[in-house]
């Protein structure tokens, strides 16, 4: 059986925590897209682990798989594995031979291109980790895959083909002096060693075959998406998107499992009880703004909204796991959630950060949008239209702070009545049951209503 974990908003919904929550009976946790731009924070036995590439289940001793839909920076991978080992863990991580490799020149080009776009206010707000350029090379059929690192002749041949192109792009198009990141010999020596280590430690797999065999043997498999629905390259607010598919369809292409396998399991949409994001692009329910990210925001906003945004950001720790940048925050946006539910076919929801919203007299939710005088209930297809949307807000009574650990022990009925009203509105609007409610950062600080593997 599979359980697929999908971010239902703009990323940062708390997917890693839900993987950890449901990870006890799971045997394998597989990531199906993204790279080390995907920050996950997992709290296990009171210890916090910040991961950007290793699947979240690694801290619980599960087999982790980086599927063929991922782009893998071997430096990051081995740094994270070595750090976890130093902290007393023994992570078992497998890597798909078909996954593509992030090289140092990808990271350099990522930064250059974002700087150039910023001159015309066209920057996307990438993490600068080389994700986009690596996926570009994958689509352009000039990328190197993990399996290529294990064949010295193939590795040398492919580097000699692609690196001069990248050097010319940096020097002749962007006018940038390049360094060792574009040195074929240095890259060959470093990445050949990564290939040797992958082989020596038995980490290489054909992801589809490996996962299929585990499922056929009765294993329980979690498929973990990075980022969120609204930054899916096909279903998000293009061009302010990632370069892969965080939606449930990406779980099939990114692992080699069939759509019938994904659809035959559970697909859980992870929802933050409010909205947050890092980077540029429209955000109709945004409170105040973040200078440098919010389009048109110069740091001088409405004082009441600024106060609300600061309170939510501080209470929720809304700073990027990878970048440390302050996240933009806003009210919950139902058109986004309707769009996400349709795109992935959620069978259940996990709603996080209910505790973060405690203490406010009232809360608001963007129930629908008004676009060019017409009310609409889902996200329009173009970013330009989305930027013109005005939210139609509904007001909900707030709830007091509470003993959230006691509530987690006592169950759903122990939640404040106002919080249950808020949650039931979400569930009714999406016609999807709520499986879990996050009331704190730890696995034990969750109200669990359904356990999909049981």
Protein backbone atom coordinates (compact mmCIF):
# COMPACT_ATOMS: atom_id res chain seq x y z
CA UNK A 1 0.00 0.00 0.00
CA UNK A 2 1.09 3.57 -0.63
CA UNK A 3 0.32 6.84 1.11
CA UNK A 4 1.21 9.92 -0.93
CA UNK A 5 1.90 13.19 0.91
CA UNK A 6 1.19 16.34 -1.12
CA UNK A 7 1.54 20.00 -0.17
CA UNK A 8 -1.83 21.65 -0.81
CA UNK A 9 -0.66 25.25 -0.88
CA UNK A 10 2.55 27.11 -1.69
CA UNK A 11 4.99 24.87 0.18
CA UNK A 12 5.96 25.02 3.87
CA UNK A 13 2.78 23.21 4.96
CA UNK A 14 4.55 20.81 7.32
CA UNK A 15 4.79 17.74 5.09
CA UNK A 16 7.85 16.36 6.86
CA UNK A 17 6.00 16.32 10.17
CA UNK A 18 3.10 14.37 8.66
CA UNK A 19 5.51 11.87 7.11
CA UNK A 20 6.99 11.47 10.58
CA UNK A 21 3.52 11.16 12.13
CA UNK A 22 2.43 8.36 9.80
CA UNK A 23 5.89 6.87 9.49
CA UNK A 24 5.80 4.40 12.39
CA UNK A 25 4.20 1.52 10.44
CA UNK A 26 5.82 2.50 7.13
CA UNK A 27 8.75 0.52 5.77
CA UNK A 28 9.91 2.88 3.02
CA UNK A 29 9.72 6.64 2.46
CA UNK A 30 10.40 7.76 -1.10
CA UNK A 31 10.75 11.28 -2.43
CA UNK A 32 9.44 11.67 -5.95
CA UNK A 33 10.57 15.15 -7.06
CA UNK A 34 12.64 18.19 -6.16
CA UNK A 35 16.12 18.46 -4.76
CA UNK A 36 17.91 20.06 -1.85
CA UNK A 37 15.69 23.13 -2.17
CA UNK A 38 13.06 21.23 -0.15
CA UNK A 39 13.40 22.05 3.52
CA UNK A 40 11.88 19.60 6.00
CA UNK A 41 11.97 20.00 9.76
CA UNK A 42 11.29 16.83 11.73
CA UNK A 43 11.13 16.58 15.53
CA UNK A 44 11.79 13.07 16.83
CA UNK A 45 12.07 12.23 20.52
CA UNK A 46 12.49 15.91 21.31
CA UNK A 47 15.35 16.38 18.83
CA UNK A 48 14.97 18.64 15.80
CA UNK A 49 16.39 17.57 12.44
CA UNK A 50 16.54 19.92 9.47
CA UNK A 51 16.75 18.06 6.18
CA UNK A 52 16.85 19.34 2.64
CA UNK A 53 17.39 16.18 0.58
CA UNK A 54 17.29 13.03 2.70
CA UNK A 55 13.70 11.69 2.97
CA UNK A 56 12.02 12.56 6.28
CA UNK A 57 11.63 8.92 7.33
CA UNK A 58 15.40 8.56 7.71
CA UNK A 59 15.28 9.91 11.26
CA UNK A 60 12.94 7.05 12.20
CA UNK A 61 15.10 4.31 10.70
CA UNK A 62 13.03 3.80 7.54
CA UNK A 63 14.50 3.05 4.14
CA UNK A 64 14.64 6.31 2.20
CA UNK A 65 14.52 6.47 -1.59
CA UNK A 66 15.31 9.42 -3.82
CA UNK A 67 13.25 8.62 -6.90
CA UNK A 68 14.05 9.21 -10.54
CA UNK A 69 12.00 12.44 -10.47
CA UNK A 70 14.47 13.99 -8.02
CA UNK A 71 17.57 16.00 -8.83
CA UNK A 72 20.39 15.05 -6.49
CA UNK A 73 23.35 17.05 -5.30
CA UNK A 74 25.79 14.37 -4.07
CA UNK A 75 27.63 16.89 -1.90
CA UNK A 76 24.42 17.70 -0.02
CA UNK A 77 23.38 14.05 0.14
CA UNK A 78 26.59 12.82 1.73
CA UNK A 79 26.90 15.87 4.00
CA UNK A 80 23.41 15.17 5.38
CA UNK A 81 24.04 11.44 5.74
CA UNK A 82 27.33 12.04 7.53
CA UNK A 83 25.72 14.61 9.83
CA UNK A 84 22.91 12.22 10.73
CA UNK A 85 25.47 9.50 11.42
CA UNK A 86 27.38 11.86 13.72
CA UNK A 87 24.12 12.41 15.63
CA UNK A 88 23.80 8.68 16.25
CA UNK A 89 21.52 7.70 13.36
CA UNK A 90 22.20 5.06 10.73
CA UNK A 91 20.23 6.27 7.69
CA UNK A 92 19.54 3.79 4.90
CA UNK A 93 19.05 5.86 1.74
CA UNK A 94 18.82 4.53 -1.81
CA UNK A 95 19.15 6.67 -4.93
CA UNK A 96 17.52 6.04 -8.29
CA UNK A 97 20.01 5.48 -11.08
CA UNK A 98 17.71 7.58 -13.30
CA UNK A 99 17.75 10.61 -10.99
CA UNK A 100 19.63 13.58 -12.42
CA UNK A 101 22.75 15.07 -10.87
CA UNK A 102 23.15 18.67 -9.72
CA UNK A 103 26.65 19.97 -10.49
CA UNK A 104 28.34 23.11 -9.15
CA UNK A 105 27.87 24.88 -12.49
CA UNK A 106 24.11 24.46 -12.13
CA UNK A 107 24.20 26.40 -8.86
CA UNK A 108 26.35 29.16 -10.39
CA UNK A 109 24.04 29.53 -13.37
CA UNK A 110 20.98 29.51 -11.12
CA UNK A 111 22.32 32.53 -9.23
CA UNK A 112 23.37 34.36 -12.37
CA UNK A 113 20.00 33.93 -14.06
CA UNK A 114 18.10 35.05 -10.95
CA UNK A 115 20.30 38.16 -10.70
CA UNK A 116 19.64 39.00 -14.33
CA UNK A 117 15.88 38.54 -13.89
CA UNK A 118 15.91 40.79 -10.82
CA UNK A 119 17.04 43.70 -12.96
CA UNK A 120 13.61 43.61 -14.62
CA UNK A 121 11.68 42.48 -11.52
CA UNK A 122 11.24 39.03 -13.08
CA UNK A 123 13.01 37.00 -10.40
CA UNK A 124 11.22 33.84 -9.28
CA UNK A 125 12.73 33.66 -5.80
CA UNK A 126 14.69 30.44 -6.23
CA UNK A 127 16.90 29.03 -3.48
CA UNK A 128 19.92 29.18 -5.80
CA UNK A 129 20.53 25.44 -5.36
CA UNK A 130 20.74 24.69 -9.10
CA UNK A 131 17.40 22.90 -9.26
CA UNK A 132 15.96 24.70 -12.27
CA UNK A 133 19.10 24.50 -14.44
CA UNK A 134 19.40 20.77 -13.68
CA UNK A 135 15.83 20.10 -14.76
CA UNK A 136 16.50 22.24 -17.86
CA UNK A 137 19.41 19.97 -18.77
CA UNK A 138 17.22 16.92 -18.10
CA UNK A 139 14.56 18.22 -20.54
CA UNK A 140 17.26 19.26 -23.00
CA UNK A 141 18.74 15.73 -22.97
CA UNK A 142 22.17 16.95 -21.89
CA UNK A 143 21.94 16.07 -18.20
CA UNK A 144 23.95 13.48 -16.30
CA UNK A 145 22.15 10.87 -14.27
CA UNK A 146 23.25 9.23 -11.05
CA UNK A 147 24.03 6.04 -12.92
CA UNK A 148 26.50 7.96 -15.11
CA UNK A 149 28.69 8.65 -12.07
CA UNK A 150 29.52 4.94 -11.82
CA UNK A 151 31.04 4.65 -15.32
CA UNK A 152 34.26 6.65 -15.57
CA UNK A 153 34.29 6.76 -19.38
CA UNK A 154 30.67 7.89 -19.62
CA UNK A 155 31.16 10.51 -16.92
CA UNK A 156 34.21 11.97 -18.68
CA UNK A 157 32.52 11.95 -22.08
CA UNK A 158 29.38 13.69 -20.87
CA UNK A 159 31.26 16.32 -18.88
CA UNK A 160 33.41 17.10 -21.91
CA UNK A 161 30.23 17.63 -23.91
CA UNK A 162 28.21 19.77 -21.50
CA UNK A 163 30.71 21.79 -19.44
CA UNK A 164 32.07 23.86 -22.37
CA UNK A 165 28.47 24.82 -23.18
CA UNK A 166 27.90 25.96 -19.63
CA UNK A 167 31.20 27.85 -19.53
CA UNK A 168 30.33 29.65 -22.76
CA UNK A 169 26.90 30.56 -21.38
CA UNK A 170 28.41 32.06 -18.24
CA UNK A 171 31.29 33.87 -19.95
CA UNK A 172 29.92 34.92 -23.31
CA UNK A 173 26.24 35.48 -22.54
CA UNK A 174 26.33 36.67 -18.94
CA UNK A 175 29.89 38.05 -18.92
CA UNK A 176 30.89 36.23 -15.74
CA UNK A 177 34.35 34.92 -14.96
CA UNK A 178 34.10 31.22 -14.09
CA UNK A 179 36.07 29.12 -11.65
CA UNK A 180 36.53 25.51 -10.63
CA UNK A 181 32.79 24.91 -10.90
CA UNK A 182 33.41 24.69 -14.67
CA UNK A 183 36.67 22.71 -14.51
CA UNK A 184 36.13 19.36 -16.24
CA UNK A 185 39.05 17.60 -14.54
CA UNK A 186 38.05 18.76 -11.05
CA UNK A 187 34.42 17.80 -11.60
CA UNK A 188 35.39 14.42 -13.00
CA UNK A 189 37.57 13.55 -10.00
CA UNK A 190 35.04 14.68 -7.41
CA UNK A 191 31.98 13.09 -8.98
CA UNK A 192 33.73 9.83 -9.85
CA UNK A 193 34.36 9.47 -6.11
CA UNK A 194 30.69 10.06 -5.39
CA UNK A 195 29.88 7.30 -7.86
CA UNK A 196 32.34 4.99 -6.14
CA UNK A 197 30.75 5.68 -2.75
CA UNK A 198 27.24 5.11 -4.07
CA UNK A 199 28.33 1.70 -5.36
CA UNK A 200 30.39 0.77 -2.31
CA UNK A 201 27.52 1.57 0.07
CA UNK A 202 24.93 -0.26 -2.05
CA UNK A 203 22.80 2.85 -2.51
CA UNK A 204 21.82 2.54 -6.18
CA UNK A 205 18.41 1.23 -7.24
CA UNK A 206 15.98 1.17 -10.12
CA UNK A 207 13.34 3.08 -8.16
CA UNK A 208 10.27 1.69 -9.88
CA UNK A 209 11.42 -1.91 -9.63
CA UNK A 210 12.65 -1.51 -6.05
CA UNK A 211 9.42 0.07 -4.83
CA UNK A 212 7.20 -2.36 -6.73
CA UNK A 213 8.99 -5.32 -5.22
CA UNK A 214 8.65 -3.86 -1.73
CA UNK A 215 4.93 -3.24 -2.22
CA UNK A 216 4.41 -6.74 -3.64
CA UNK A 217 6.16 -8.11 -0.57
CA UNK A 218 3.64 -6.33 1.65
CA UNK A 219 5.68 -3.29 2.63
CA UNK A 220 4.01 0.02 3.40
CA UNK A 221 5.40 2.90 1.35
CA UNK A 222 5.08 6.65 1.88
CA UNK A 223 5.62 8.79 -1.20
CA UNK A 224 6.81 12.23 -0.14
CA UNK A 225 6.39 15.32 -2.29
CA UNK A 226 8.38 18.51 -1.84
CA UNK A 227 7.11 22.10 -2.21
CA UNK A 228 3.38 22.56 -2.86
CA UNK A 229 0.62 22.47 -5.47
CA UNK A 230 0.74 26.17 -6.38
CA UNK A 231 4.40 25.91 -7.31
CA UNK A 232 3.89 22.81 -9.47
CA UNK A 233 5.35 23.60 -12.89
CA UNK A 234 2.11 22.57 -14.65
CA UNK A 235 -0.55 23.40 -12.06
CA UNK A 236 1.06 26.31 -10.22
CA UNK A 237 1.28 30.05 -10.76
CA UNK A 238 3.82 29.93 -13.57
CA UNK A 239 6.56 31.25 -13.78
CA UNK A 240 6.74 31.48 -9.96
CA UNK A 241 7.04 27.71 -9.71
CA UNK A 242 9.49 24.94 -9.08
CA UNK A 243 10.73 22.81 -11.99
CA UNK A 244 8.88 19.57 -11.21
CA UNK A 245 5.46 18.21 -10.20
CA UNK A 246 4.70 18.15 -6.44
CA UNK A 247 1.10 17.09 -7.20
CA UNK A 248 0.08 13.43 -6.92
CA UNK A 249 0.66 12.74 -10.62
CA UNK A 250 4.33 13.47 -10.02
CA UNK A 251 4.44 10.53 -7.62
CA UNK A 252 3.89 8.17 -10.56
CA UNK A 253 6.39 9.72 -12.97
CA UNK A 254 8.89 10.42 -10.20
CA UNK A 255 9.04 6.86 -8.85
CA UNK A 256 8.20 4.56 -11.75
CA UNK A 257 5.05 3.29 -10.04
CA UNK A 258 1.85 3.18 -12.09
CA UNK A 259 -1.02 5.65 -11.61
CA UNK A 260 -3.17 2.73 -10.45
CA UNK A 261 -0.77 2.16 -7.56
CA UNK A 262 -0.83 5.82 -6.52
CA UNK A 263 -4.59 6.14 -6.96
CA UNK A 264 -5.22 2.84 -5.20
CA UNK A 265 -3.63 4.16 -2.03
CA UNK A 266 -4.27 7.21 0.12
CA UNK A 267 -3.41 10.73 -1.07
CA UNK A 268 -3.19 13.14 1.85
CA UNK A 269 -3.22 16.89 1.27
CA UNK A 270 -1.20 18.83 3.82
CA UNK A 271 -2.74 22.19 4.72
CA UNK A 272 -1.39 24.95 6.90
CA UNK A 273 -4.23 26.63 8.82
CA UNK A 274 -3.18 29.93 7.28
CA UNK A 275 -1.11 30.64 4.18
CA UNK A 276 2.62 31.17 3.77
CA UNK A 277 5.19 31.21 1.02
CA UNK A 278 8.76 32.17 0.21
CA UNK A 279 9.41 34.06 -3.00
CA UNK A 280 7.55 36.21 -5.47
CA UNK A 281 4.19 35.85 -7.18
CA UNK A 282 0.53 36.62 -6.41
CA UNK A 283 -0.92 35.89 -2.98
CA UNK A 284 -4.43 37.39 -2.77
CA UNK A 285 -4.96 36.82 0.97
CA UNK A 286 -1.51 38.13 1.99
CA UNK A 287 -1.20 40.24 5.12
CA UNK A 288 1.16 43.20 4.67
CA UNK A 289 4.19 41.90 2.74
CA UNK A 290 7.88 40.99 2.68
CA UNK A 291 10.17 43.47 1.01
CA UNK A 292 11.95 41.93 -1.96
CA UNK A 293 9.39 39.13 -2.33
CA UNK A 294 5.91 40.67 -2.35
CA UNK A 295 5.33 42.33 -5.73
CA UNK A 296 5.10 46.10 -5.35
CA UNK A 297 5.71 46.08 -1.59
CA UNK A 298 8.18 48.72 -0.38
CA UNK A 299 8.06 48.02 3.35
CA UNK A 300 5.37 50.60 4.11
CA UNK A 301 2.09 48.71 4.63
CA UNK A 302 -1.09 48.89 6.65
CA UNK A 303 -0.13 49.00 10.35
CA UNK A 304 -2.83 46.54 11.48
CA UNK A 305 -1.90 44.04 8.77
CA UNK A 306 1.78 44.44 9.61
CA UNK A 307 1.01 43.62 13.24
CA UNK A 308 -1.05 40.56 12.31
CA UNK A 309 1.56 39.31 9.86
CA UNK A 310 4.35 39.70 12.41
CA UNK A 311 2.34 37.90 15.10
CA UNK A 312 1.59 34.92 12.84
CA UNK A 313 5.15 34.80 11.47
CA UNK A 314 6.68 34.77 14.94
CA UNK A 315 4.18 32.29 16.39
CA UNK A 316 4.58 29.93 13.45
CA UNK A 317 8.34 30.31 12.98
CA UNK A 318 7.75 31.39 9.41
CA UNK A 319 11.29 31.49 8.11
CA UNK A 320 12.55 29.26 5.30
CA UNK A 321 14.27 26.04 6.43
CA UNK A 322 16.78 26.24 3.57
CA UNK A 323 17.14 30.01 3.06
CA UNK A 324 16.25 31.55 6.44
CA UNK A 325 14.18 34.16 4.62
CA UNK A 326 11.00 35.43 6.29
CA UNK A 327 7.97 33.83 4.68
CA UNK A 328 5.07 35.85 3.40
CA UNK A 329 1.94 35.10 5.42
CA UNK A 330 -1.78 35.52 4.85
CA UNK A 331 -5.22 34.17 5.61
CA UNK A 332 -6.21 30.67 4.51
CA UNK A 333 -7.09 30.66 0.80
CA UNK A 334 -9.89 28.25 -0.15
CA UNK A 335 -9.58 28.68 -3.96
CA UNK A 336 -6.03 27.33 -3.65
CA UNK A 337 -7.26 24.33 -1.66
CA UNK A 338 -10.07 23.58 -4.10
CA UNK A 339 -7.57 23.67 -6.96
CA UNK A 340 -5.17 21.39 -5.08
CA UNK A 341 -7.88 18.90 -4.15
CA UNK A 342 -8.96 18.54 -7.76
CA UNK A 343 -5.41 18.28 -9.11
CA UNK A 344 -4.33 15.50 -6.73
CA UNK A 345 -7.56 13.80 -5.67
CA UNK A 346 -7.06 14.01 -1.93
CA UNK A 347 -8.58 11.21 0.09
CA UNK A 348 -7.80 12.97 3.37
CA UNK A 349 -6.41 16.20 4.83
CA UNK A 350 -3.90 17.00 7.54
CA UNK A 351 -4.31 20.55 8.85
CA UNK A 352 -1.29 21.96 10.68
CA UNK A 353 -0.62 25.00 12.90
CA UNK A 354 -4.01 25.23 14.57
CA UNK A 355 -2.09 26.23 17.72
CA UNK A 356 -0.35 29.07 15.87
CA UNK A 357 -3.68 30.83 15.31
CA UNK A 358 -4.67 30.67 18.98
CA UNK A 359 -5.23 33.98 20.76
CA UNK A 360 -6.69 36.02 17.91
CA UNK A 361 -10.14 37.51 18.49
CA UNK A 362 -11.18 36.67 14.96
CA UNK A 363 -9.76 34.97 11.92
CA UNK A 364 -10.51 35.40 8.25
CA UNK A 365 -10.54 33.00 5.34
CA UNK A 366 -10.46 33.79 1.63
CA UNK A 367 -13.60 31.89 0.61
CA UNK A 368 -13.57 32.94 -3.06
CA UNK A 369 -12.15 35.59 -5.39
CA UNK A 370 -13.62 38.40 -7.41
CA UNK A 371 -12.00 38.62 -10.85
CA UNK A 372 -13.13 41.32 -13.24
CA UNK A 373 -16.45 41.62 -11.41
CA UNK A 374 -17.17 37.88 -11.31
CA UNK A 375 -16.97 35.62 -8.26
CA UNK A 376 -14.82 32.52 -8.81
CA UNK A 377 -14.02 29.68 -6.43
CA UNK A 378 -10.74 28.35 -7.80
CA UNK A 379 -7.38 29.67 -8.98
CA UNK A 380 -7.43 31.10 -12.53
CA UNK A 381 -5.10 29.58 -15.10
CA UNK A 382 -2.80 32.56 -15.63
CA UNK A 383 -0.68 34.33 -13.09
CA UNK A 384 -1.75 37.68 -14.51
CA UNK A 385 -5.39 36.87 -13.77
CA UNK A 386 -4.54 35.57 -10.33
CA UNK A 387 -2.73 38.82 -9.53
CA UNK A 388 -5.97 40.72 -10.27
CA UNK A 389 -8.06 38.58 -7.92
CA UNK A 390 -9.52 40.19 -4.81
CA UNK A 391 -10.34 37.82 -1.96
CA UNK A 392 -13.85 37.54 -0.58
CA UNK A 393 -13.22 37.01 3.11
CA UNK A 394 -15.30 35.14 5.66
CA UNK A 395 -14.84 35.81 9.35
CA UNK A 396 -14.50 33.12 12.00
CA UNK A 397 -14.41 33.46 15.75
CA UNK A 398 -10.93 32.86 17.14
CA UNK A 399 -9.97 30.42 19.87
CA UNK A 400 -7.95 30.71 23.05
CA UNK A 401 -4.58 29.16 23.67
CA UNK A 402 -4.81 25.74 25.26
CA UNK A 403 -2.88 22.79 26.60
CA UNK A 404 -2.24 21.39 23.14
CA UNK A 405 -0.39 18.29 24.32
CA UNK A 406 -3.37 17.34 26.46
CA UNK A 407 -5.67 17.93 23.49
CA UNK A 408 -3.46 15.71 21.33
CA UNK A 409 -3.84 12.97 23.95
CA UNK A 410 -7.60 13.45 24.35
CA UNK A 411 -8.50 13.65 20.66
CA UNK A 412 -10.49 15.74 18.23
CA UNK A 413 -13.42 16.47 20.51
CA UNK A 414 -11.07 18.17 22.97
CA UNK A 415 -10.22 20.91 20.47
CA UNK A 416 -11.78 24.34 21.14
CA UNK A 417 -15.23 24.54 19.58
CA UNK A 418 -14.18 27.52 17.46
CA UNK A 419 -11.26 25.54 16.05
CA UNK A 420 -13.55 22.62 15.18
CA UNK A 421 -15.90 25.02 13.39
CA UNK A 422 -12.94 26.30 11.36
CA UNK A 423 -11.75 22.78 10.52
CA UNK A 424 -15.20 21.52 9.60
CA UNK A 425 -15.63 24.45 7.21
CA UNK A 426 -12.43 23.38 5.42
CA UNK A 427 -13.51 19.74 5.28
CA UNK A 428 -17.01 20.56 4.02
CA UNK A 429 -15.77 22.94 1.33
CA UNK A 430 -13.32 20.35 -0.02
CA UNK A 431 -15.62 17.37 0.56
CA UNK A 432 -12.62 15.61 2.11
CA UNK A 433 -12.26 14.24 5.65
CA UNK A 434 -9.65 15.53 8.05
CA UNK A 435 -7.23 12.76 9.02
CA UNK A 436 -5.00 14.74 11.38
CA UNK A 437 -4.69 18.13 13.06
CA UNK A 438 -1.29 19.53 13.96
CA UNK A 439 -1.25 21.39 17.29
CA UNK A 440 2.54 21.62 17.75
CA UNK A 441 5.83 20.74 16.05
CA UNK A 442 6.34 17.25 17.47
CA UNK A 443 4.82 13.99 16.27
CA UNK A 444 3.10 13.58 19.62
CA UNK A 445 1.50 17.02 19.20
CA UNK A 446 -1.01 15.89 16.61
CA UNK A 447 -4.67 14.99 16.87
CA UNK A 448 -4.94 11.80 14.79
CA UNK A 449 -8.37 10.82 13.46
CA UNK A 450 -7.34 8.33 10.77
CA UNK A 451 -4.24 6.18 10.39
CA UNK A 452 -4.08 5.22 6.70
CA UNK A 453 -1.80 2.21 7.17
CA UNK A 454 -4.00 0.65 9.83
